[in-house]
Amino acid sequence: MGLVNCPGWLYTEWLLSHFGNCHDEARQHYANFVAEGVGLLSPWSAVRGQSLLGSEAFVEKMRPLLKQKNEFKEIPRTQRLLNRPSLIILFSKVFQGDKVLRDVAIQKAYSGYGYSMAAIARQAGVHYSTVSKVIKGER
């Protein structure tokens, strides 16, 4: 089965070479690969900072390579801040009821790593107005 209205710039041989050595077999394997993905969640929802797609271990491995991104304001904020620790990590040492450690984590998450008040509030289990008061030093 041939490609219908295939543009001249579309180079399929490289892609198909990853699915087999024989052209017809590779096309069948590729078709099966695509069919297996139908109905699955899109991987795009798991992309971090518009740049990385992979496990937490992979993202951690890439963090040192991304440190220079913070220096360039032309790079979108979400990409510049990709190397920041996750909120889960920032709040991992905060024990329930320990407001001092919680407030330190809130300050660090907001001022040091650029997390939004709403995201911090969700992770800390508090109202965003509490986060605002902590940031302003009212608590």
N, C-alpha and C. Protein backbone atom coordinates (compact mmCIF):
# COMPACT_ATOMS: atom_id res chain seq x y z
N MET A 1 0.85 -1.17 0.00
CA MET A 1 0.00 0.00 0.00
C MET A 1 0.89 1.22 0.00
N GLY A 2 0.75 2.09 -0.97
CA GLY A 2 1.61 3.25 -1.12
C GLY A 2 1.07 4.46 -0.37
N LEU A 3 1.93 5.45 -0.18
CA LEU A 3 1.52 6.67 0.47
C LEU A 3 0.76 7.54 -0.53
N VAL A 4 -0.40 7.99 -0.15
CA VAL A 4 -1.23 8.81 -1.01
C VAL A 4 -0.88 10.27 -0.76
N ASN A 5 -0.65 11.02 -1.84
CA ASN A 5 -0.33 12.44 -1.75
C ASN A 5 0.82 12.72 -0.79
N CYS A 6 1.85 11.91 -0.85
CA CYS A 6 3.02 12.08 0.00
C CYS A 6 3.86 13.23 -0.54
N PRO A 7 4.10 14.28 0.27
CA PRO A 7 4.91 15.41 -0.22
C PRO A 7 6.35 14.98 -0.46
N GLY A 8 7.02 15.66 -1.36
CA GLY A 8 8.39 15.32 -1.72
C GLY A 8 9.37 15.45 -0.56
N TRP A 9 9.09 16.33 0.39
CA TRP A 9 10.01 16.55 1.50
C TRP A 9 9.86 15.50 2.61
N LEU A 10 8.81 14.69 2.57
CA LEU A 10 8.58 13.71 3.61
C LEU A 10 9.47 12.49 3.38
N TYR A 11 10.41 12.30 4.27
CA TYR A 11 11.37 11.21 4.16
C TYR A 11 10.99 10.12 5.16
N THR A 12 10.44 9.03 4.67
CA THR A 12 9.93 7.98 5.56
C THR A 12 10.93 6.85 5.79
N GLU A 13 11.92 6.74 4.94
CA GLU A 13 12.84 5.60 5.04
C GLU A 13 13.58 5.56 6.37
N TRP A 14 14.02 6.72 6.86
CA TRP A 14 14.74 6.76 8.13
C TRP A 14 13.86 6.23 9.26
N LEU A 15 12.62 6.73 9.32
CA LEU A 15 11.70 6.28 10.36
C LEU A 15 11.44 4.79 10.26
N LEU A 16 11.13 4.32 9.08
CA LEU A 16 10.83 2.90 8.90
C LEU A 16 12.04 2.01 9.19
N SER A 17 13.25 2.53 9.03
CA SER A 17 14.44 1.74 9.30
C SER A 17 14.53 1.32 10.76
N HIS A 18 13.81 2.01 11.64
CA HIS A 18 13.79 1.66 13.07
C HIS A 18 12.79 0.55 13.38
N PHE A 19 12.02 0.16 12.40
CA PHE A 19 10.99 -0.86 12.62
C PHE A 19 11.26 -2.15 11.86
N GLY A 20 12.34 -2.20 11.11
CA GLY A 20 12.69 -3.44 10.40
C GLY A 20 13.55 -3.16 9.19
N ASN A 21 14.17 -4.22 8.68
CA ASN A 21 15.06 -4.10 7.52
C ASN A 21 14.31 -4.18 6.19
N CYS A 22 13.27 -4.97 6.16
CA CYS A 22 12.45 -5.14 4.96
C CYS A 22 11.39 -4.04 4.96
N HIS A 23 11.26 -3.32 3.84
CA HIS A 23 10.35 -2.18 3.75
C HIS A 23 8.91 -2.55 4.15
N ASP A 24 8.37 -3.63 3.57
CA ASP A 24 6.98 -4.01 3.87
C ASP A 24 6.82 -4.42 5.33
N GLU A 25 7.80 -5.14 5.84
CA GLU A 25 7.75 -5.58 7.24
C GLU A 25 7.83 -4.35 8.18
N ALA A 26 8.71 -3.42 7.86
CA ALA A 26 8.88 -2.22 8.68
C ALA A 26 7.59 -1.41 8.70
N ARG A 27 6.94 -1.29 7.55
CA ARG A 27 5.67 -0.55 7.49
C ARG A 27 4.62 -1.21 8.36
N GLN A 28 4.56 -2.55 8.36
CA GLN A 28 3.59 -3.26 9.17
C GLN A 28 3.89 -3.08 10.66
N HIS A 29 5.16 -3.16 11.03
CA HIS A 29 5.54 -2.94 12.43
C HIS A 29 5.20 -1.52 12.88
N TYR A 30 5.45 -0.55 11.99
CA TYR A 30 5.13 0.84 12.32
C TYR A 30 3.62 1.01 12.47
N ALA A 31 2.85 0.42 11.58
CA ALA A 31 1.39 0.51 11.68
C ALA A 31 0.90 -0.11 12.99
N ASN A 32 1.48 -1.22 13.39
CA ASN A 32 1.12 -1.86 14.67
C ASN A 32 1.48 -0.95 15.85
N PHE A 33 2.66 -0.33 15.76
CA PHE A 33 3.11 0.59 16.80
C PHE A 33 2.12 1.74 16.98
N VAL A 34 1.70 2.33 15.88
CA VAL A 34 0.74 3.43 15.92
C VAL A 34 -0.60 2.95 16.47
N ALA A 35 -1.06 1.79 16.02
CA ALA A 35 -2.35 1.25 16.48
C ALA A 35 -2.35 0.99 17.98
N GLU A 36 -1.21 0.54 18.52
CA GLU A 36 -1.12 0.29 19.96
C GLU A 36 -1.27 1.56 20.77
N GLY A 37 -0.93 2.71 20.20
CA GLY A 37 -1.01 3.98 20.91
C GLY A 37 -2.36 4.65 20.84
N VAL A 38 -3.23 4.17 19.96
CA VAL A 38 -4.55 4.77 19.81
C VAL A 38 -5.33 4.60 21.11
N GLY A 39 -5.86 5.70 21.62
CA GLY A 39 -6.66 5.66 22.84
C GLY A 39 -5.85 5.83 24.12
N LEU A 40 -4.53 5.81 24.04
CA LEU A 40 -3.71 6.02 25.22
C LEU A 40 -3.60 7.52 25.51
N LEU A 41 -3.23 7.86 26.74
CA LEU A 41 -3.03 9.26 27.09
C LEU A 41 -1.86 9.81 26.28
N SER A 42 -1.96 11.06 25.91
CA SER A 42 -0.91 11.71 25.15
C SER A 42 0.32 11.89 26.03
N PRO A 43 1.50 11.62 25.50
CA PRO A 43 2.71 11.84 26.29
C PRO A 43 2.99 13.32 26.53
N TRP A 44 2.39 14.20 25.76
CA TRP A 44 2.66 15.63 25.88
C TRP A 44 2.24 16.18 27.24
N SER A 45 1.29 15.56 27.89
CA SER A 45 0.87 16.05 29.21
C SER A 45 1.94 15.80 30.27
N ALA A 46 2.89 14.91 29.98
CA ALA A 46 3.95 14.59 30.93
C ALA A 46 5.24 15.37 30.68
N VAL A 47 5.25 16.23 29.66
CA VAL A 47 6.45 17.01 29.36
C VAL A 47 6.66 18.03 30.47
N ARG A 48 7.89 18.13 30.96
CA ARG A 48 8.22 19.05 32.04
C ARG A 48 8.93 20.27 31.48
N GLY A 49 8.44 21.45 31.84
CA GLY A 49 9.09 22.68 31.42
C GLY A 49 9.20 22.85 29.93
N GLN A 50 8.28 22.31 29.19
CA GLN A 50 8.25 22.37 27.73
C GLN A 50 9.49 21.78 27.09
N SER A 51 10.27 21.00 27.86
CA SER A 51 11.54 20.52 27.33
C SER A 51 11.83 19.05 27.54
N LEU A 52 11.44 18.49 28.66
CA LEU A 52 11.86 17.13 29.00
C LEU A 52 10.68 16.18 29.13
N LEU A 53 10.86 15.01 28.57
CA LEU A 53 9.87 13.95 28.70
C LEU A 53 10.61 12.72 29.19
N GLY A 54 10.29 12.28 30.39
CA GLY A 54 10.96 11.12 30.95
C GLY A 54 10.68 10.97 32.43
N SER A 55 11.30 9.98 33.01
CA SER A 55 11.10 9.70 34.42
C SER A 55 11.72 10.79 35.29
N GLU A 56 11.37 10.77 36.58
CA GLU A 56 11.96 11.73 37.52
C GLU A 56 13.48 11.55 37.56
N ALA A 57 13.96 10.29 37.47
CA ALA A 57 15.40 10.03 37.48
C ALA A 57 16.06 10.67 36.25
N PHE A 58 15.41 10.58 35.10
CA PHE A 58 15.95 11.19 33.89
C PHE A 58 16.01 12.71 34.03
N VAL A 59 14.95 13.31 34.56
CA VAL A 59 14.91 14.76 34.74
C VAL A 59 16.03 15.17 35.70
N GLU A 60 16.22 14.43 36.79
CA GLU A 60 17.28 14.73 37.74
C GLU A 60 18.66 14.66 37.07
N LYS A 61 18.83 13.69 36.19
CA LYS A 61 20.10 13.53 35.48
C LYS A 61 20.36 14.72 34.55
N MET A 62 19.30 15.30 34.01
CA MET A 62 19.43 16.40 33.07
C MET A 62 19.59 17.76 33.75
N ARG A 63 19.21 17.87 35.03
CA ARG A 63 19.24 19.16 35.74
C ARG A 63 20.58 19.90 35.60
N PRO A 64 21.72 19.24 35.81
CA PRO A 64 22.99 19.99 35.70
C PRO A 64 23.20 20.60 34.31
N LEU A 65 22.69 19.95 33.30
CA LEU A 65 22.85 20.46 31.94
C LEU A 65 21.98 21.68 31.67
N LEU A 66 20.97 21.88 32.51
CA LEU A 66 20.01 22.96 32.29
C LEU A 66 20.32 24.20 33.12
N LYS A 67 21.31 24.15 33.98
CA LYS A 67 21.61 25.27 34.87
C LYS A 67 21.89 26.56 34.12
N GLN A 68 22.55 26.48 32.96
CA GLN A 68 22.86 27.69 32.21
C GLN A 68 21.62 28.39 31.68
N LYS A 69 20.50 27.68 31.56
CA LYS A 69 19.28 28.28 30.99
C LYS A 69 18.78 29.45 31.81
N ASN A 70 19.03 29.48 33.12
CA ASN A 70 18.53 30.56 33.96
C ASN A 70 19.15 31.90 33.60
N GLU A 71 20.27 31.89 32.90
CA GLU A 71 20.97 33.12 32.56
C GLU A 71 20.34 33.84 31.36
N PHE A 72 19.57 33.17 30.56
CA PHE A 72 19.05 33.74 29.33
C PHE A 72 17.57 34.08 29.45
N LYS A 73 17.26 35.36 29.49
CA LYS A 73 15.87 35.79 29.66
C LYS A 73 15.03 35.53 28.42
N GLU A 74 15.67 35.27 27.27
CA GLU A 74 14.92 35.00 26.04
C GLU A 74 14.25 33.63 26.10
N ILE A 75 14.75 32.77 26.96
CA ILE A 75 14.19 31.43 27.09
C ILE A 75 12.97 31.52 28.00
N PRO A 76 11.85 30.94 27.60
CA PRO A 76 10.63 31.04 28.41
C PRO A 76 10.87 30.60 29.85
N ARG A 77 10.16 31.25 30.77
CA ARG A 77 10.31 31.01 32.21
C ARG A 77 10.17 29.53 32.56
N THR A 78 9.20 28.85 31.97
CA THR A 78 8.99 27.44 32.29
C THR A 78 10.19 26.59 31.94
N GLN A 79 10.91 26.97 30.88
CA GLN A 79 12.11 26.23 30.51
C GLN A 79 13.30 26.62 31.38
N ARG A 80 13.41 27.92 31.73
CA ARG A 80 14.51 28.36 32.59
C ARG A 80 14.44 27.72 33.97
N LEU A 81 13.23 27.51 34.47
CA LEU A 81 13.05 27.00 35.82
C LEU A 81 12.93 25.48 35.88
N LEU A 82 13.18 24.83 34.77
CA LEU A 82 13.06 23.38 34.73
C LEU A 82 14.03 22.68 35.67
N ASN A 83 15.18 23.26 35.93
CA ASN A 83 16.16 22.60 36.78
C ASN A 83 15.88 22.77 38.27
N ARG A 84 14.82 23.43 38.63
CA ARG A 84 14.50 23.60 40.05
C ARG A 84 14.00 22.29 40.64
N PRO A 85 14.18 22.10 41.94
CA PRO A 85 13.66 20.89 42.57
C PRO A 85 12.14 20.90 42.57
N SER A 86 11.55 19.73 42.59
CA SER A 86 10.09 19.66 42.63
C SER A 86 9.58 20.12 43.99
N LEU A 87 8.32 20.51 44.03
CA LEU A 87 7.72 20.89 45.31
C LEU A 87 7.71 19.73 46.29
N ILE A 88 7.55 18.53 45.78
CA ILE A 88 7.57 17.36 46.65
C ILE A 88 8.91 17.29 47.38
N ILE A 89 9.99 17.52 46.67
CA ILE A 89 11.32 17.50 47.30
C ILE A 89 11.47 18.67 48.27
N LEU A 90 11.03 19.86 47.88
CA LEU A 90 11.16 21.02 48.76
C LEU A 90 10.40 20.84 50.08
N PHE A 91 9.27 20.15 50.03
CA PHE A 91 8.45 19.97 51.23
C PHE A 91 8.68 18.62 51.90
N SER A 92 9.65 17.84 51.42
CA SER A 92 9.85 16.49 51.96
C SER A 92 10.32 16.48 53.41
N LYS A 93 10.99 17.53 53.85
CA LYS A 93 11.48 17.58 55.23
C LYS A 93 10.53 18.31 56.17
N VAL A 94 9.37 18.71 55.66
CA VAL A 94 8.38 19.40 56.48
C VAL A 94 7.44 18.37 57.09
N PHE A 95 7.40 18.35 58.39
CA PHE A 95 6.53 17.41 59.09
C PHE A 95 5.24 18.12 59.47
N GLN A 96 4.16 17.37 59.47
CA GLN A 96 2.84 17.95 59.76
C GLN A 96 2.88 18.68 61.08
N GLY A 97 2.44 19.92 61.06
CA GLY A 97 2.40 20.73 62.27
C GLY A 97 3.63 21.58 62.49
N ASP A 98 4.70 21.36 61.73
CA ASP A 98 5.92 22.15 61.88
C ASP A 98 5.83 23.37 60.97
N LYS A 99 5.28 24.44 61.51
CA LYS A 99 5.04 25.64 60.70
C LYS A 99 6.33 26.37 60.35
N VAL A 100 7.35 26.26 61.19
CA VAL A 100 8.61 26.94 60.90
C VAL A 100 9.25 26.35 59.64
N LEU A 101 9.39 25.03 59.59
CA LEU A 101 9.95 24.39 58.40
C LEU A 101 9.05 24.58 57.19
N ARG A 102 7.75 24.53 57.41
CA ARG A 102 6.81 24.75 56.31
C ARG A 102 7.00 26.15 55.72
N ASP A 103 7.11 27.15 56.59
CA ASP A 103 7.27 28.53 56.11
C ASP A 103 8.60 28.73 55.38
N VAL A 104 9.65 28.07 55.84
CA VAL A 104 10.94 28.13 55.16
C VAL A 104 10.81 27.53 53.76
N ALA A 105 10.13 26.39 53.67
CA ALA A 105 9.93 25.74 52.38
C ALA A 105 9.08 26.61 51.46
N ILE A 106 8.08 27.26 52.01
CA ILE A 106 7.23 28.16 51.22
C ILE A 106 8.07 29.31 50.65
N GLN A 107 8.87 29.93 51.51
CA GLN A 107 9.72 31.05 51.06
C GLN A 107 10.67 30.60 49.96
N LYS A 108 11.31 29.45 50.18
CA LYS A 108 12.28 28.94 49.21
C LYS A 108 11.59 28.61 47.88
N ALA A 109 10.41 27.98 47.95
CA ALA A 109 9.69 27.60 46.73
C ALA A 109 9.29 28.83 45.93
N TYR A 110 8.86 29.88 46.63
CA TYR A 110 8.38 31.07 45.94
C TYR A 110 9.53 31.97 45.48
N SER A 111 10.37 32.36 46.41
CA SER A 111 11.44 33.32 46.10
C SER A 111 12.62 32.67 45.40
N GLY A 112 12.96 31.47 45.81
CA GLY A 112 14.14 30.83 45.25
C GLY A 112 13.90 30.10 43.95
N TYR A 113 12.70 29.54 43.80
CA TYR A 113 12.46 28.68 42.64
C TYR A 113 11.29 29.10 41.76
N GLY A 114 10.62 30.19 42.11
CA GLY A 114 9.60 30.75 41.22
C GLY A 114 8.30 29.98 41.10
N TYR A 115 7.99 29.15 42.09
CA TYR A 115 6.70 28.45 42.05
C TYR A 115 5.58 29.43 42.35
N SER A 116 4.41 29.17 41.79
CA SER A 116 3.26 30.04 42.03
C SER A 116 2.70 29.78 43.43
N MET A 117 2.03 30.77 43.98
CA MET A 117 1.42 30.61 45.30
C MET A 117 0.40 29.48 45.31
N ALA A 118 -0.35 29.35 44.23
CA ALA A 118 -1.37 28.29 44.17
C ALA A 118 -0.72 26.91 44.20
N ALA A 119 0.37 26.72 43.44
CA ALA A 119 1.05 25.42 43.43
C ALA A 119 1.65 25.11 44.80
N ILE A 120 2.23 26.12 45.43
CA ILE A 120 2.81 25.94 46.77
C ILE A 120 1.71 25.58 47.76
N ALA A 121 0.59 26.28 47.68
CA ALA A 121 -0.52 26.03 48.60
C ALA A 121 -1.03 24.60 48.47
N ARG A 122 -1.16 24.11 47.23
CA ARG A 122 -1.61 22.73 47.02
C ARG A 122 -0.64 21.75 47.67
N GLN A 123 0.66 21.97 47.47
CA GLN A 123 1.65 21.04 48.02
C GLN A 123 1.71 21.12 49.54
N ALA A 124 1.60 22.33 50.09
CA ALA A 124 1.69 22.52 51.55
C ALA A 124 0.39 22.17 52.26
N GLY A 125 -0.69 22.05 51.50
CA GLY A 125 -1.98 21.73 52.11
C GLY A 125 -2.58 22.90 52.87
N VAL A 126 -2.32 24.11 52.36
CA VAL A 126 -2.86 25.32 52.98
C VAL A 126 -3.56 26.16 51.91
N HIS A 127 -4.26 27.19 52.36
CA HIS A 127 -4.91 28.11 51.45
C HIS A 127 -3.85 29.03 50.84
N TYR A 128 -4.06 29.48 49.61
CA TYR A 128 -3.06 30.33 48.97
C TYR A 128 -2.87 31.64 49.72
N SER A 129 -3.89 32.10 50.48
CA SER A 129 -3.72 33.33 51.26
C SER A 129 -2.71 33.11 52.39
N THR A 130 -2.63 31.90 52.90
CA THR A 130 -1.62 31.57 53.91
C THR A 130 -0.23 31.68 53.29
N VAL A 131 -0.09 31.17 52.08
CA VAL A 131 1.19 31.28 51.38
C VAL A 131 1.56 32.74 51.18
N SER A 132 0.60 33.56 50.79
CA SER A 132 0.83 34.98 50.59
C SER A 132 1.31 35.65 51.88
N LYS A 133 0.68 35.31 52.98
CA LYS A 133 1.07 35.90 54.28
C LYS A 133 2.48 35.47 54.67
N VAL A 134 2.82 34.22 54.44
CA VAL A 134 4.17 33.74 54.75
C VAL A 134 5.20 34.49 53.91
N ILE A 135 4.91 34.68 52.63
CA ILE A 135 5.84 35.36 51.74
C ILE A 135 6.02 36.82 52.16
N LYS A 136 4.94 37.44 52.61
CA LYS A 136 5.01 38.84 53.05
C LYS A 136 5.59 38.97 54.45
N GLY A 137 5.81 37.84 55.12
CA GLY A 137 6.37 37.88 56.47
C GLY A 137 5.34 38.18 57.54
N GLU A 138 4.07 37.98 57.25
CA GLU A 138 3.00 38.25 58.19
C GLU A 138 2.74 37.09 59.14
N ARG A 139 3.41 35.98 58.94
CA ARG A 139 3.19 34.79 59.79
C ARG A 139 4.44 34.44 60.51
